[in-house]
Amino acid sequence: MTINCKGNLIDISAPKVMGILNLTPDSFYDGGKYKDTNAVLSQVNEMLEQGATFIDVGAYSSKPNADFVSETEELSRILPIIQSIITEFPDVLLSVDTFRSQVAKESILAGAALVNDISAGKLDANMLKVVGSLHVPYIMMHMRGTPQTMQDLTEYHSLIKDILFYFSERIAEAKTHHIKDIIIDPGFGFAKTREQNFELLKHLKHFQLLERSLLIGVSRKSMIYKTLKSTAREALNGTSVLNTIALQKGASILRVHDVKEAMECIKLTNELN
């Protein structure tokens, strides 16, 4: 399985790591950590040296009950950073984490290579059309509602079947807009209880039915630290455990805060094949 990023075919049949770069002051783990360009570039350099294939840049926190951010503010946060990263690391593959088509478009034009949309096009009617016109890979995630309402929308008839149906419908819609490289993200922590997150992980292999590459993002999330009665800061070991399980169940991309440890999960898991 390959995806076309800026004219280069990236083989994701061998698992890859996507490093998280949050430009928001209120992200659940690293909010406000990267306050200036030098700090951002240092972090990007570290993640690339540790083995990240992709860097996911986001300027709108999607944690539960996150503050609303205007499109203007999101653009003012993200575009200068993308431009600085591309200048410093011309070959970097940046993913833009946004549910807004205009932010996606301007970020791709500024040098980003992929679009990562938590809403799979449901929060912006123009998103799929724009992504199709840009000819870039598209990561679509399962979520209900918005970051402000999703935790009140956790009732499912059948969790796995409902999510599979959701992706079947969204993939079909994406195809009508000529989006070729589609990656699916089951959305751990988005409109799901702690128990549902573990049910989702347990049955992750079912998503191979969709014949799409699978991105998994469990890094330092509450399903880990609430289970262990700890904090996000103390959840690295738990993250590595769940990332390893996800790899064994077919994950193609691990989206993480801690690249070095995720790469170790991949290297060790590869020894079992």
C-alpha atoms as a PDB file:
ATOM      1  CA  MET A   1       0.000   0.000   0.000  1.00  0.00           C
ATOM      2  CA  THR A   2       1.465   3.347  -1.057  1.00  0.00           C
ATOM      3  CA  ILE A   3       0.298   6.963  -0.898  1.00  0.00           C
ATOM      4  CA  ASN A   4       1.447   9.782  -3.153  1.00  0.00           C
ATOM      5  CA  CYS A   5       2.918  12.674  -1.169  1.00  0.00           C
ATOM      6  CA  LYS A   6       4.193  15.547  -3.303  1.00  0.00           C
ATOM      7  CA  GLY A   7       5.119  13.179  -6.111  1.00  0.00           C
ATOM      8  CA  ASN A   8       6.814  10.608  -3.887  1.00  0.00           C
ATOM      9  CA  LEU A   9       5.273   7.193  -3.253  1.00  0.00           C
ATOM     10  CA  ILE A  10       5.358   6.411   0.468  1.00  0.00           C
ATOM     11  CA  ASP A  11       5.049   2.730   1.326  1.00  0.00           C
ATOM     12  CA  ILE A  12       2.813   2.397   4.368  1.00  0.00           C
ATOM     13  CA  SER A  13       2.498  -1.358   4.177  1.00  0.00           C
ATOM     14  CA  ALA A  14       5.525  -1.104   6.480  1.00  0.00           C
ATOM     15  CA  PRO A  15       4.246   0.872   9.517  1.00  0.00           C
ATOM     16  CA  LYS A  16       5.232   4.526   9.826  1.00  0.00           C
ATOM     17  CA  VAL A  17       5.195   7.125  12.597  1.00  0.00           C
ATOM     18  CA  MET A  18       3.442  10.493  12.474  1.00  0.00           C
ATOM     19  CA  GLY A  19       4.759  12.969  15.030  1.00  0.00           C
ATOM     20  CA  ILE A  20       2.279  15.373  16.624  1.00  0.00           C
ATOM     21  CA  LEU A  21       2.996  19.104  16.593  1.00  0.00           C
ATOM     22  CA  ASN A  22       0.288  21.045  18.410  1.00  0.00           C
ATOM     23  CA  LEU A  23       0.287  24.811  17.929  1.00  0.00           C
ATOM     24  CA  THR A  24      -2.579  25.315  20.362  1.00  0.00           C
ATOM     25  CA  PRO A  25      -2.389  26.686  23.909  1.00  0.00           C
ATOM     26  CA  ASP A  26      -4.951  24.175  25.219  1.00  0.00           C
ATOM     27  CA  SER A  27      -4.096  20.706  23.842  1.00  0.00           C
ATOM     28  CA  PHE A  28      -4.556  18.052  26.506  1.00  0.00           C
ATOM     29  CA  TYR A  29      -0.878  17.061  26.750  1.00  0.00           C
ATOM     30  CA  ASP A  30       1.467  19.580  25.124  1.00  0.00           C
ATOM     31  CA  GLY A  31      -0.687  22.705  24.882  1.00  0.00           C
ATOM     32  CA  GLY A  32       1.399  25.872  24.777  1.00  0.00           C
ATOM     33  CA  LYS A  33       4.696  23.974  24.713  1.00  0.00           C
ATOM     34  CA  TYR A  34       5.860  25.324  21.351  1.00  0.00           C
ATOM     35  CA  LYS A  35       5.494  29.075  21.755  1.00  0.00           C
ATOM     36  CA  ASP A  36       7.992  30.304  19.179  1.00  0.00           C
ATOM     37  CA  THR A  37       9.422  29.259  15.845  1.00  0.00           C
ATOM     38  CA  ASN A  38      12.728  28.078  17.284  1.00  0.00           C
ATOM     39  CA  ALA A  39      10.949  25.693  19.669  1.00  0.00           C
ATOM     40  CA  VAL A  40       8.823  24.374  16.806  1.00  0.00           C
ATOM     41  CA  LEU A  41      11.801  23.792  14.512  1.00  0.00           C
ATOM     42  CA  SER A  42      13.746  22.107  17.298  1.00  0.00           C
ATOM     43  CA  GLN A  43      10.856  19.728  17.957  1.00  0.00           C
ATOM     44  CA  VAL A  44      10.395  18.944  14.267  1.00  0.00           C
ATOM     45  CA  ASN A  45      14.117  18.253  13.916  1.00  0.00           C
ATOM     46  CA  GLU A  46      14.034  15.913  16.900  1.00  0.00           C
ATOM     47  CA  MET A  47      11.014  13.982  15.607  1.00  0.00           C
ATOM     48  CA  LEU A  48      12.554  13.607  12.142  1.00  0.00           C
ATOM     49  CA  GLU A  49      15.873  12.435  13.585  1.00  0.00           C
ATOM     50  CA  GLN A  50      14.009   9.885  15.701  1.00  0.00           C
ATOM     51  CA  GLY A  51      12.367   8.409  12.611  1.00  0.00           C
ATOM     52  CA  ALA A  52       9.056  10.188  11.957  1.00  0.00           C
ATOM     53  CA  THR A  53       7.869   9.919   8.359  1.00  0.00           C
ATOM     54  CA  PHE A  54       5.120  12.527   8.820  1.00  0.00           C
ATOM     55  CA  ILE A  55       4.659  15.570  11.057  1.00  0.00           C
ATOM     56  CA  ASP A  56       1.033  16.412  11.882  1.00  0.00           C
ATOM     57  CA  VAL A  57       0.545  20.147  12.468  1.00  0.00           C
ATOM     58  CA  GLY A  58      -2.625  21.330  14.181  1.00  0.00           C
ATOM     59  CA  ALA A  59      -3.822  24.747  15.338  1.00  0.00           C
ATOM     60  CA  TYR A  60      -7.269  23.857  16.729  1.00  0.00           C
ATOM     61  CA  SER A  61      -7.434  21.631  19.787  1.00  0.00           C
ATOM     62  CA  SER A  62      -9.864  18.742  19.339  1.00  0.00           C
ATOM     63  CA  LYS A  63      -9.854  17.608  22.962  1.00  0.00           C
ATOM     64  CA  PRO A  64     -13.296  17.266  24.608  1.00  0.00           C
ATOM     65  CA  ASN A  65     -14.905  20.666  25.228  1.00  0.00           C
ATOM     66  CA  ALA A  66     -12.064  22.470  23.469  1.00  0.00           C
ATOM     67  CA  ASP A  67     -12.395  26.220  23.001  1.00  0.00           C
ATOM     68  CA  PHE A  68     -13.750  27.393  19.661  1.00  0.00           C
ATOM     69  CA  VAL A  69     -11.107  28.898  17.366  1.00  0.00           C
ATOM     70  CA  SER A  70     -12.061  31.083  14.405  1.00  0.00           C
ATOM     71  CA  GLU A  71     -10.848  30.208  10.929  1.00  0.00           C
ATOM     72  CA  THR A  72      -8.837  33.442  10.845  1.00  0.00           C
ATOM     73  CA  GLU A  73      -7.079  32.543  14.094  1.00  0.00           C
ATOM     74  CA  GLU A  74      -6.405  28.991  12.931  1.00  0.00           C
ATOM     75  CA  LEU A  75      -4.836  30.256   9.717  1.00  0.00           C
ATOM     76  CA  SER A  76      -2.731  32.854  11.547  1.00  0.00           C
ATOM     77  CA  ARG A  77      -1.390  30.137  13.835  1.00  0.00           C
ATOM     78  CA  ILE A  78      -0.631  27.495  11.258  1.00  0.00           C
ATOM     79  CA  LEU A  79       0.521  29.131   8.001  1.00  0.00           C
ATOM     80  CA  PRO A  80       3.659  30.903   9.299  1.00  0.00           C
ATOM     81  CA  ILE A  81       4.735  27.707  11.054  1.00  0.00           C
ATOM     82  CA  ILE A  82       4.226  25.564   7.943  1.00  0.00           C
ATOM     83  CA  GLN A  83       6.254  28.052   5.915  1.00  0.00           C
ATOM     84  CA  SER A  84       9.065  28.058   8.499  1.00  0.00           C
ATOM     85  CA  ILE A  85       9.160  24.259   8.691  1.00  0.00           C
ATOM     86  CA  ILE A  86       9.221  23.867   4.899  1.00  0.00           C
ATOM     87  CA  THR A  87      12.021  26.433   4.638  1.00  0.00           C
ATOM     88  CA  GLU A  88      14.105  24.595   7.235  1.00  0.00           C
ATOM     89  CA  PHE A  89      13.162  21.042   6.160  1.00  0.00           C
ATOM     90  CA  PRO A  90      12.230  21.157   2.447  1.00  0.00           C
ATOM     91  CA  ASP A  91      11.621  17.406   2.183  1.00  0.00           C
ATOM     92  CA  VAL A  92       9.418  17.078   5.266  1.00  0.00           C
ATOM     93  CA  LEU A  93       5.967  15.534   4.804  1.00  0.00           C
ATOM     94  CA  LEU A  94       3.589  17.739   6.746  1.00  0.00           C
ATOM     95  CA  SER A  95       0.040  16.708   7.533  1.00  0.00           C
ATOM     96  CA  VAL A  96      -2.374  19.527   8.336  1.00  0.00           C
ATOM     97  CA  ASP A  97      -4.816  18.653  11.118  1.00  0.00           C
ATOM     98  CA  THR A  98      -7.964  20.626  10.320  1.00  0.00           C
ATOM     99  CA  PHE A  99     -11.644  20.171   9.540  1.00  0.00           C
ATOM    100  CA  ARG A 100     -11.843  23.421   7.531  1.00  0.00           C
ATOM    101  CA  SER A 101     -11.435  23.295   3.760  1.00  0.00           C
ATOM    102  CA  GLN A 102      -9.895  26.772   3.485  1.00  0.00           C
ATOM    103  CA  VAL A 103      -7.273  25.956   6.121  1.00  0.00           C
ATOM    104  CA  ALA A 104      -6.554  22.687   4.331  1.00  0.00           C
ATOM    105  CA  LYS A 105      -6.206  24.417   0.959  1.00  0.00           C
ATOM    106  CA  GLU A 106      -3.948  27.218   2.140  1.00  0.00           C
ATOM    107  CA  SER A 107      -1.793  24.813   4.147  1.00  0.00           C
ATOM    108  CA  ILE A 108      -1.281  22.514   1.153  1.00  0.00           C
ATOM    109  CA  LEU A 109      -0.417  25.501  -1.032  1.00  0.00           C
ATOM    110  CA  ALA A 110       2.095  26.550   1.642  1.00  0.00           C
ATOM    111  CA  GLY A 111       3.819  23.176   1.399  1.00  0.00           C
ATOM    112  CA  ALA A 112       1.916  20.604   3.457  1.00  0.00           C
ATOM    113  CA  ALA A 113       1.465  17.161   1.881  1.00  0.00           C
ATOM    114  CA  LEU A 114      -1.609  15.562   3.517  1.00  0.00           C
ATOM    115  CA  VAL A 115      -4.916  16.583   5.078  1.00  0.00           C
ATOM    116  CA  ASN A 116      -5.968  15.054   8.400  1.00  0.00           C
ATOM    117  CA  ASP A 117      -9.662  15.744   9.072  1.00  0.00           C
ATOM    118  CA  ILE A 118     -11.242  14.709  12.381  1.00  0.00           C
ATOM    119  CA  SER A 119     -14.708  15.037  10.843  1.00  0.00           C
ATOM    120  CA  ALA A 120     -14.236  13.155   7.540  1.00  0.00           C
ATOM    121  CA  GLY A 121     -15.774  16.115   5.752  1.00  0.00           C
ATOM    122  CA  LYS A 122     -18.870  16.366   7.922  1.00  0.00           C
ATOM    123  CA  LEU A 123     -18.002  19.745   9.492  1.00  0.00           C
ATOM    124  CA  ASP A 124     -17.246  21.514   6.201  1.00  0.00           C
ATOM    125  CA  ALA A 125     -19.319  20.702   3.130  1.00  0.00           C
ATOM    126  CA  ASN A 126     -16.470  21.826   0.847  1.00  0.00           C
ATOM    127  CA  MET A 127     -13.722  19.692   2.382  1.00  0.00           C
ATOM    128  CA  LEU A 128     -13.952  16.633   0.133  1.00  0.00           C
ATOM    129  CA  LYS A 129     -14.242  18.749  -2.994  1.00  0.00           C
ATOM    130  CA  VAL A 130     -11.194  20.792  -1.995  1.00  0.00           C
ATOM    131  CA  VAL A 131      -9.082  17.748  -1.090  1.00  0.00           C
ATOM    132  CA  GLY A 132     -10.021  16.107  -4.385  1.00  0.00           C
ATOM    133  CA  SER A 133      -8.922  19.209  -6.297  1.00  0.00           C
ATOM    134  CA  LEU A 134      -5.603  19.290  -4.417  1.00  0.00           C
ATOM    135  CA  HIS A 135      -4.784  15.630  -5.219  1.00  0.00           C
ATOM    136  CA  VAL A 136      -3.348  14.907  -1.777  1.00  0.00           C
ATOM    137  CA  PRO A 137      -3.797  11.977   0.636  1.00  0.00           C
ATOM    138  CA  TYR A 138      -6.731  12.348   3.014  1.00  0.00           C
ATOM    139  CA  ILE A 139      -6.980  11.009   6.543  1.00  0.00           C
ATOM    140  CA  MET A 140     -10.615  10.707   7.595  1.00  0.00           C
ATOM    141  CA  MET A 141     -11.500  10.105  11.226  1.00  0.00           C
ATOM    142  CA  HIS A 142     -14.631   8.815  12.900  1.00  0.00           C
ATOM    143  CA  MET A 143     -16.300  11.355  15.165  1.00  0.00           C
ATOM    144  CA  ARG A 144     -19.799  12.463  16.048  1.00  0.00           C
ATOM    145  CA  GLY A 145     -20.730  16.098  16.584  1.00  0.00           C
ATOM    146  CA  THR A 146     -17.927  18.552  17.342  1.00  0.00           C
ATOM    147  CA  PRO A 147     -15.135  18.646  19.940  1.00  0.00           C
ATOM    148  CA  GLN A 148     -17.551  20.642  22.079  1.00  0.00           C
ATOM    149  CA  THR A 149     -20.405  18.075  21.874  1.00  0.00           C
ATOM    150  CA  MET A 150     -18.846  14.699  21.037  1.00  0.00           C
ATOM    151  CA  GLN A 151     -18.713  13.310  24.563  1.00  0.00           C
ATOM    152  CA  ASP A 152     -22.514  13.491  24.736  1.00  0.00           C
ATOM    153  CA  LEU A 153     -22.832  11.360  21.592  1.00  0.00           C
ATOM    154  CA  THR A 154     -21.597   7.938  22.704  1.00  0.00           C
ATOM    155  CA  GLU A 155     -24.754   5.846  22.140  1.00  0.00           C
ATOM    156  CA  TYR A 156     -24.326   3.234  19.402  1.00  0.00           C
ATOM    157  CA  HIS A 157     -26.526   0.442  18.109  1.00  0.00           C
ATOM    158  CA  SER A 158     -23.381  -1.617  17.508  1.00  0.00           C
ATOM    159  CA  LEU A 159     -20.093   0.242  17.928  1.00  0.00           C
ATOM    160  CA  ILE A 160     -17.953  -1.594  15.370  1.00  0.00           C
ATOM    161  CA  LYS A 161     -20.707  -2.022  12.772  1.00  0.00           C
ATOM    162  CA  ASP A 162     -21.755   1.617  13.113  1.00  0.00           C
ATOM    163  CA  ILE A 163     -18.196   2.867  12.603  1.00  0.00           C
ATOM    164  CA  LEU A 164     -17.639   0.525   9.653  1.00  0.00           C
ATOM    165  CA  PHE A 165     -20.846   1.830   8.051  1.00  0.00           C
ATOM    166  CA  TYR A 166     -19.711   5.420   8.693  1.00  0.00           C
ATOM    167  CA  PHE A 167     -16.427   4.803   6.889  1.00  0.00           C
ATOM    168  CA  SER A 168     -18.092   2.966   4.022  1.00  0.00           C
ATOM    169  CA  GLU A 169     -20.328   5.982   3.447  1.00  0.00           C
ATOM    170  CA  ARG A 170     -17.513   8.551   3.814  1.00  0.00           C
ATOM    171  CA  ILE A 171     -15.135   6.608   1.542  1.00  0.00           C
ATOM    172  CA  ALA A 172     -17.842   6.351  -1.128  1.00  0.00           C
ATOM    173  CA  GLU A 173     -18.437  10.113  -0.874  1.00  0.00           C
ATOM    174  CA  ALA A 174     -14.698  10.837  -1.058  1.00  0.00           C
ATOM    175  CA  LYS A 175     -14.411   8.734  -4.200  1.00  0.00           C
ATOM    176  CA  THR A 176     -17.004  10.896  -5.943  1.00  0.00           C
ATOM    177  CA  HIS A 177     -14.557  13.778  -5.474  1.00  0.00           C
ATOM    178  CA  HIS A 178     -11.699  11.719  -6.946  1.00  0.00           C
ATOM    179  CA  ILE A 179      -9.794  11.351  -3.675  1.00  0.00           C
ATOM    180  CA  LYS A 180      -7.532   8.365  -4.270  1.00  0.00           C
ATOM    181  CA  ASP A 181      -5.309   7.996  -1.205  1.00  0.00           C
ATOM    182  CA  ILE A 182      -7.638   7.553   1.772  1.00  0.00           C
ATOM    183  CA  ILE A 183      -6.442   6.627   5.266  1.00  0.00           C
ATOM    184  CA  ILE A 184      -8.925   5.858   8.029  1.00  0.00           C
ATOM    185  CA  ASP A 185      -8.644   6.754  11.714  1.00  0.00           C
ATOM    186  CA  PRO A 186     -11.189   5.082  14.059  1.00  0.00           C
ATOM    187  CA  GLY A 187     -11.048   8.098  16.348  1.00  0.00           C
ATOM    188  CA  PHE A 188     -10.041   6.854  19.779  1.00  0.00           C
ATOM    189  CA  GLY A 189     -11.479   9.220  22.374  1.00  0.00           C
ATOM    190  CA  PHE A 190     -13.853  10.946  19.961  1.00  0.00           C
ATOM    191  CA  ALA A 191     -17.517  10.332  20.833  1.00  0.00           C
ATOM    192  CA  LYS A 192     -16.494   7.158  22.655  1.00  0.00           C
ATOM    193  CA  THR A 193     -16.355   6.159  26.289  1.00  0.00           C
ATOM    194  CA  ARG A 194     -13.266   4.621  27.860  1.00  0.00           C
ATOM    195  CA  GLU A 195     -14.864   1.176  27.579  1.00  0.00           C
ATOM    196  CA  GLN A 196     -15.786   1.750  23.930  1.00  0.00           C
ATOM    197  CA  ASN A 197     -12.198   2.734  23.142  1.00  0.00           C
ATOM    198  CA  PHE A 198     -10.981  -0.641  24.383  1.00  0.00           C
ATOM    199  CA  GLU A 199     -13.740  -2.442  22.489  1.00  0.00           C
ATOM    200  CA  LEU A 200     -12.592  -0.611  19.369  1.00  0.00           C
ATOM    201  CA  LEU A 201      -8.982  -1.637  19.943  1.00  0.00           C
ATOM    202  CA  LYS A 202     -10.010  -5.238  20.604  1.00  0.00           C
ATOM    203  CA  HIS A 203     -11.830  -5.463  17.264  1.00  0.00           C
ATOM    204  CA  LEU A 204      -9.442  -3.321  15.206  1.00  0.00           C
ATOM    205  CA  LYS A 205      -8.817  -6.097  12.667  1.00  0.00           C
ATOM    206  CA  HIS A 206     -12.392  -5.719  11.409  1.00  0.00           C
ATOM    207  CA  PHE A 207     -11.371  -2.455   9.764  1.00  0.00           C
ATOM    208  CA  GLN A 208      -9.238  -4.388   7.294  1.00  0.00           C
ATOM    209  CA  LEU A 209     -12.564  -5.082   5.556  1.00  0.00           C
ATOM    210  CA  LEU A 210     -12.424  -1.504   4.267  1.00  0.00           C
ATOM    211  CA  GLU A 211      -9.135  -2.200   2.458  1.00  0.00           C
ATOM    212  CA  ARG A 212      -7.672   1.115   3.574  1.00  0.00           C
ATOM    213  CA  SER A 213      -4.571   1.962   5.556  1.00  0.00           C
ATOM    214  CA  LEU A 214      -5.248   2.482   9.238  1.00  0.00           C
ATOM    215  CA  LEU A 215      -3.970   5.369  11.357  1.00  0.00           C
ATOM    216  CA  ILE A 216      -4.085   4.924  15.125  1.00  0.00           C
ATOM    217  CA  GLY A 217      -3.917   7.792  17.598  1.00  0.00           C
ATOM    218  CA  VAL A 218      -3.964   6.683  21.233  1.00  0.00           C
ATOM    219  CA  SER A 219      -0.925   8.654  22.365  1.00  0.00           C
ATOM    220  CA  ARG A 220      -1.239   9.645  26.056  1.00  0.00           C
ATOM    221  CA  LYS A 221      -5.052   9.675  25.824  1.00  0.00           C
ATOM    222  CA  SER A 222      -7.452   9.339  28.737  1.00  0.00           C
ATOM    223  CA  MET A 223      -8.281   5.718  27.902  1.00  0.00           C
ATOM    224  CA  ILE A 224      -4.746   5.041  29.135  1.00  0.00           C
ATOM    225  CA  TYR A 225      -4.284   7.336  32.088  1.00  0.00           C
ATOM    226  CA  LYS A 226      -7.802   6.976  33.458  1.00  0.00           C
ATOM    227  CA  THR A 227      -7.452   3.192  33.369  1.00  0.00           C
ATOM    228  CA  LEU A 228      -4.085   3.435  35.135  1.00  0.00           C
ATOM    229  CA  LYS A 229      -5.281   6.215  37.467  1.00  0.00           C
ATOM    230  CA  SER A 230      -2.415   8.449  36.436  1.00  0.00           C
ATOM    231  CA  THR A 231      -1.994  11.470  34.135  1.00  0.00           C
ATOM    232  CA  ALA A 232      -1.271  12.172  30.473  1.00  0.00           C
ATOM    233  CA  ARG A 233       2.291  13.023  31.463  1.00  0.00           C
ATOM    234  CA  GLU A 234       2.694   9.555  32.969  1.00  0.00           C
ATOM    235  CA  ALA A 235       1.069   7.677  30.079  1.00  0.00           C
ATOM    236  CA  LEU A 236       4.051   6.939  27.841  1.00  0.00           C
ATOM    237  CA  ASN A 237       4.453   3.313  28.884  1.00  0.00           C
ATOM    238  CA  GLY A 238       0.729   2.690  28.439  1.00  0.00           C
ATOM    239  CA  THR A 239       0.900   4.360  25.027  1.00  0.00           C
ATOM    240  CA  SER A 240       3.648   1.984  23.933  1.00  0.00           C
ATOM    241  CA  VAL A 241       1.603  -1.014  25.079  1.00  0.00           C
ATOM    242  CA  LEU A 242      -1.473   0.034  23.104  1.00  0.00           C
ATOM    243  CA  ASN A 243       0.592   1.041  20.056  1.00  0.00           C
ATOM    244  CA  THR A 244       2.107  -2.443  20.019  1.00  0.00           C
ATOM    245  CA  ILE A 245      -1.332  -4.034  20.159  1.00  0.00           C
ATOM    246  CA  ALA A 246      -2.510  -1.737  17.352  1.00  0.00           C
ATOM    247  CA  LEU A 247       0.454  -2.759  15.181  1.00  0.00           C
ATOM    248  CA  GLN A 248      -0.363  -6.418  15.726  1.00  0.00           C
ATOM    249  CA  LYS A 249      -3.919  -5.683  14.600  1.00  0.00           C
ATOM    250  CA  GLY A 250      -2.946  -3.957  11.369  1.00  0.00           C
ATOM    251  CA  ALA A 251      -2.076  -0.314  12.090  1.00  0.00           C
ATOM    252  CA  SER A 252      -0.154   1.380   9.267  1.00  0.00           C
ATOM    253  CA  ILE A 253       0.563   4.729  10.939  1.00  0.00           C
ATOM    254  CA  LEU A 254       1.036   5.552  14.621  1.00  0.00           C
ATOM    255  CA  ARG A 255       0.206   9.186  15.432  1.00  0.00           C
ATOM    256  CA  VAL A 256       2.215   9.998  18.551  1.00  0.00           C
ATOM    257  CA  HIS A 257       3.774  12.609  20.798  1.00  0.00           C
ATOM    258  CA  ASP A 258       6.810  10.385  21.424  1.00  0.00           C
ATOM    259  CA  VAL A 259       8.425   9.307  18.158  1.00  0.00           C
ATOM    260  CA  LYS A 260      11.431   7.408  19.524  1.00  0.00           C
ATOM    261  CA  GLU A 261       9.283   5.064  21.604  1.00  0.00           C
ATOM    262  CA  ALA A 262       6.818   4.491  18.758  1.00  0.00           C
ATOM    263  CA  MET A 263       9.674   3.577  16.431  1.00  0.00           C
ATOM    264  CA  GLU A 264      10.863   1.066  19.023  1.00  0.00           C
ATOM    265  CA  CYS A 265       7.369  -0.483  19.071  1.00  0.00           C
ATOM    266  CA  ILE A 266       7.536  -0.884  15.287  1.00  0.00           C
ATOM    267  CA  LYS A 267      11.043  -2.330  15.268  1.00  0.00           C
ATOM    268  CA  LEU A 268      10.280  -4.867  17.970  1.00  0.00           C
ATOM    269  CA  THR A 269       6.921  -5.851  16.486  1.00  0.00           C
ATOM    270  CA  ASN A 270       8.569  -6.337  13.081  1.00  0.00           C
ATOM    271  CA  GLU A 271      10.709  -9.085  14.621  1.00  0.00           C
ATOM    272  CA  LEU A 272       7.566 -11.168  15.056  1.00  0.00           C
ATOM    273  CA  ASN A 273       6.804 -11.185  11.329  1.00  0.00           C
END
